[in-house]
Amino acid sequence: MRLTGYAHGGGCACKIPPGELEEMVAGLIGVPSDTLIVGLDHGDDAAAVRLDGNGIAVLSTVDFFTPVVDDAYDWGRIAAANAFSDIYAMGGRPILAVNLVCWPRDVLPMALAAEVLRGGLAVAIEAGCPVAGGHSVDDPEPKYGMAVTGVAASDRLLRTDAGIAGQPLSLSKPLGIGVLNSRHKQTGEVFPQAVATMVELNRAASEAALAGGARCATDVTGFGLLGHLLKLARASNLTAVVHADAVPYLDGARDALDAGYVSGGTRRNLEWVNPHVRWGGRSAGDERERLLLADAQTSGGLLVAGEVPGSPVIGELVPRRANLIEVR
């Protein structure tokens, strides 16, 4: 059974557009708390609360989405890696996960749902994180993900508002997941390079970033590189410069783009960031370059303010200018 055919979108491309999401949660920002370290204010990847007197922060996140691939086991692995990424993006370590399952029980066999859960468990075991139960509902559209709890040193969190002018920007995974997933959904072609990238944990990149003294990071998922970079630059009151030629892409990504496999989520990302970007280089006259930089990723890499061994430097943070992002 082609799981992607039972969903209107796929993976993180099915997120509510960033502009609409910010309007929706605007009334929840600024709620006073004595223990909340990181909340909704800047759109960080997880919430963080301080435990009294021991220097430990507890992190909490939730992430789930519709099928991004047709293989049930791989979908489970991808969704789990994507959920754990929020903890790694904050500089934390996951300590507990619970499953979230929406399943059309009269349409798809429960054996497929079991395969999804098995995939999620496999990645959780790799992360060294127990999975203890969860919640399931009968739903017309299949969805899967996890709610994850983590811990981190409260004075060493990676957060979006801690960028400093002069810091380089490193990206730990190549882009192009979105266009390859769109091609997979429409044609059934399988792209092992995209699956391998999506199931890879961001643990190593997070640990390397912390070891290098980084304090500012986010992960690149449904809002694309430029969308997540916009939130980071805005939170840090800086401008982010992107050197487009330095951005890595998966094999086949440009071919998929040229063939027209672009998700609606990617186009909405570009529409949202466009007023805040000064386009230069190839992107000034080529919408394809702009779409790739806004491509909606699923379980993408970490975007770190600082150098991370093994990850290419794709730009830098500079003092605030007229635009929040400059693409060269």
Foldseek 3Di string as FASTA:
>chain_A
DQQLVLDPDAFLLPDDFPVVVCVVCVVVPPDDDPFWDDDPPLPALWTWGDDPDDQKIKTKHKDKDAHLGRQLLLSLLLQLLLQVQSQLQFLWAWAEKEKEKEEQPVPDPVVSVVSSPVSVVVLCVVSVYDYDYHDYDHDSGIMIHIMIMTMDRNVQTAALQPFDAPFFKWFQFAFLLQLVSLCCSVPVDDDVVSSVQSSDHQNLQSVQCSVQPFRYKHFAAFQAQLLVLLSSLVSNQWAWEFALVQGHHDPPRLVSVVVPSARPSLVSSLVVQVVQEAEDDPVVPDVSSSSRRRRGHRNGTMITRHDGPPTTGGTHIHHHDPHNYYYD
